[in-house]
Every structure is written in C-alpha cells, then in structure tokens.
Amino acid sequence: MRVRHQSENSELIAATAVEAMEAIKGKEIVTLDLREISGAMTDYFVICHASSKTQVDAIADKIEDLVFEKTKNKPYHVEGRENTEWILIDYVDVVVHVFLQSTRSYYNLEELWADAERIMKESED
C-alpha cells in the first residue's frame, strides 16, 4: 500500500534526481514543491525532457542508480519503460518524470500544478 511521507529524505531524493538528470544532459529540469498543495499525492515532482528515447532511458537508469547509491531508496513503482516517451519513477514522496520533449509539451505537467513552487535548473547549453 502506498503511504505518503515514507522517507525522511525527500529533499535529498529530489536533489539526487536532479543531479542524475544533469549528468545525462536532461533539458529544462524543474522541481515542483507540492508540500503546500492541498490534495497533492507527493512532496515533489522532478521533471525533465530529452531529445531521444535512448536518452530518456539513460536518464531514468541514472536516476535509479544514483538515488539508490546516495539514499538506498528503490522506486516504489516505475512506468513507461516500454515506449520510453515518458518514464515515471515513483519514490512515493518524490515522483520523477523523464519525458521525450514532444510528450512533455503535450502533457504540460508544470501547468497542471501551476500553484506549486518551481525550482528551475539552468541547462548548460
């Protein structure tokens, strides 16, 4: 059963996901802080996109590896590995979204959660 607030280190999990995204050149990295949003099912969304399905898959792999290495947390659930247009990695208190650029534009999660505080990470290119 999914129970929110399972981890004492949701900030570290979110920061580590960002670090992994940066390592594989994820684009337009955004962390949405949902802790003050009524009805939110998690504390943080961490979102980025990539320009190819291969890169989406590589970013997702790096996130799982680095989060486990630094926090010993494994995902509660992972979806989207089949088509690699949107891989969702659910750590319960942190949900990570790695999109193909066109899929991210279509679903526009940042606008769905427009009330959340946004922490943007500048891309290096």
Protein backbone atom coordinates (compact mmCIF):
# COMPACT_ATOMS: atom_id res chain seq x y z
CA MET A 1 0.00 0.00 0.00
CA ARG A 2 1.27 3.45 -0.91
CA VAL A 3 1.77 5.67 2.15
CA ARG A 4 2.92 9.25 1.76
CA HIS A 5 5.82 10.58 3.86
CA GLN A 6 7.65 7.28 3.94
CA SER A 7 11.08 8.84 3.55
CA GLU A 8 12.81 11.25 5.86
CA ASN A 9 14.95 12.47 2.98
CA SER A 10 12.59 13.52 0.21
CA GLU A 11 14.68 16.66 -0.40
CA LEU A 12 17.79 14.51 -0.90
CA ILE A 13 15.96 12.16 -3.27
CA ALA A 14 14.73 15.13 -5.33
CA ALA A 15 18.18 16.75 -5.40
CA THR A 16 19.80 13.46 -6.38
CA ALA A 17 17.31 13.00 -9.23
CA VAL A 18 18.26 16.49 -10.49
CA GLU A 19 21.95 15.58 -10.24
CA ALA A 20 21.35 12.43 -12.30
CA MET A 21 19.37 14.39 -14.90
CA GLU A 22 22.22 16.87 -15.23
CA ALA A 23 24.76 14.08 -15.62
CA ILE A 24 22.94 12.75 -18.71
CA LYS A 25 22.13 16.24 -20.05
CA GLY A 26 18.41 16.33 -19.24
CA LYS A 27 16.74 19.52 -20.50
CA GLU A 28 14.65 22.14 -18.66
CA ILE A 29 14.94 20.46 -15.27
CA VAL A 30 12.21 21.61 -12.89
CA THR A 31 11.38 20.59 -9.33
CA LEU A 32 7.82 21.29 -8.22
CA ASP A 33 7.41 21.57 -4.46
CA LEU A 34 3.92 20.20 -3.79
CA ARG A 35 4.10 20.07 0.00
CA GLU A 36 1.78 23.08 0.42
CA ILE A 37 -0.70 21.98 -2.28
CA SER A 38 -3.94 20.55 -0.96
CA GLY A 39 -4.63 17.14 -2.43
CA ALA A 40 -1.10 16.56 -3.73
CA MET A 41 -0.16 12.91 -3.61
CA THR A 42 3.57 13.53 -3.19
CA ASP A 43 6.01 16.12 -1.86
CA TYR A 44 7.94 16.77 -5.06
CA PHE A 45 7.73 16.28 -8.81
CA VAL A 46 11.07 16.38 -10.59
CA ILE A 47 10.69 16.84 -14.35
CA CYS A 48 12.99 16.97 -17.37
CA HIS A 49 12.97 16.02 -21.01
CA ALA A 50 15.39 14.54 -23.51
CA SER A 51 15.71 14.68 -27.27
CA SER A 52 15.64 10.92 -27.90
CA LYS A 53 14.14 7.75 -26.45
CA THR A 54 17.65 6.44 -25.82
CA GLN A 55 18.43 9.50 -23.72
CA VAL A 56 15.10 9.22 -21.82
CA ASP A 57 16.04 5.65 -20.92
CA ALA A 58 19.61 6.61 -19.95
CA ILE A 59 18.41 9.42 -17.68
CA ALA A 60 15.92 7.12 -15.96
CA ASP A 61 18.63 4.49 -15.42
CA LYS A 62 21.00 7.09 -13.96
CA ILE A 63 18.29 8.39 -11.60
CA GLU A 64 17.57 4.91 -10.23
CA ASP A 65 21.27 4.11 -9.83
CA LEU A 66 22.28 7.41 -8.21
CA VAL A 67 19.27 7.63 -5.89
CA PHE A 68 19.98 4.11 -4.65
CA GLU A 69 23.71 4.83 -4.30
CA LYS A 70 23.15 8.02 -2.27
CA THR A 71 19.96 7.23 -0.32
CA LYS A 72 19.47 3.45 -0.50
CA ASN A 73 15.92 4.09 -1.79
CA LYS A 74 14.47 1.96 -4.56
CA PRO A 75 11.43 3.11 -6.54
CA TYR A 76 8.03 2.07 -5.28
CA HIS A 77 6.92 1.86 -8.91
CA VAL A 78 8.28 2.59 -12.40
CA GLU A 79 6.17 3.10 -15.53
CA GLY A 80 6.88 3.81 -19.18
CA ARG A 81 9.92 1.65 -19.83
CA GLU A 82 8.08 0.01 -22.74
CA ASN A 83 7.84 3.04 -25.02
CA THR A 84 10.34 5.43 -23.34
CA GLU A 85 8.34 8.56 -24.20
CA TRP A 86 7.56 9.22 -20.52
CA ILE A 87 9.22 7.26 -17.75
CA LEU A 88 7.74 7.85 -14.31
CA ILE A 89 9.84 6.83 -11.31
CA ASP A 90 7.79 6.86 -8.10
CA TYR A 91 9.64 7.16 -4.80
CA VAL A 92 6.30 7.92 -3.03
CA ASP A 93 7.38 11.30 -1.60
CA VAL A 94 9.17 12.20 -4.84
CA VAL A 95 7.83 11.36 -8.29
CA VAL A 96 10.29 11.78 -11.14
CA HIS A 97 9.14 12.34 -14.73
CA VAL A 98 11.53 11.90 -17.66
CA PHE A 99 9.88 12.86 -20.93
CA LEU A 100 10.60 12.87 -24.60
CA GLN A 101 10.36 16.58 -25.50
CA SER A 102 7.14 16.29 -27.55
CA THR A 103 5.44 14.22 -24.83
CA ARG A 104 6.36 16.75 -22.16
CA SER A 105 4.86 19.55 -24.24
CA TYR A 106 1.67 17.56 -24.76
CA TYR A 107 1.04 16.72 -21.08
CA ASN A 108 2.39 20.03 -19.68
CA LEU A 109 2.56 18.88 -16.03
CA GLU A 110 4.00 22.20 -14.90
CA GLU A 111 0.78 23.96 -15.85
CA LEU A 112 -1.40 21.30 -14.21
CA TRP A 113 0.46 22.04 -10.97
CA ALA A 114 0.83 25.79 -11.55
CA ASP A 115 0.28 26.58 -7.84
CA ALA A 116 3.40 24.66 -6.83
CA GLU A 117 6.66 26.42 -6.07
CA ARG A 118 9.04 25.88 -9.01
CA ILE A 119 12.75 25.36 -8.70
CA MET A 120 14.34 25.67 -12.15
CA LYS A 121 17.75 24.29 -13.03
CA GLU A 122 19.51 26.10 -15.88
CA SER A 123 20.62 23.92 -18.78
CA GLU A 124 24.25 24.23 -19.76
CA ASP A 125 23.59 24.59 -23.48
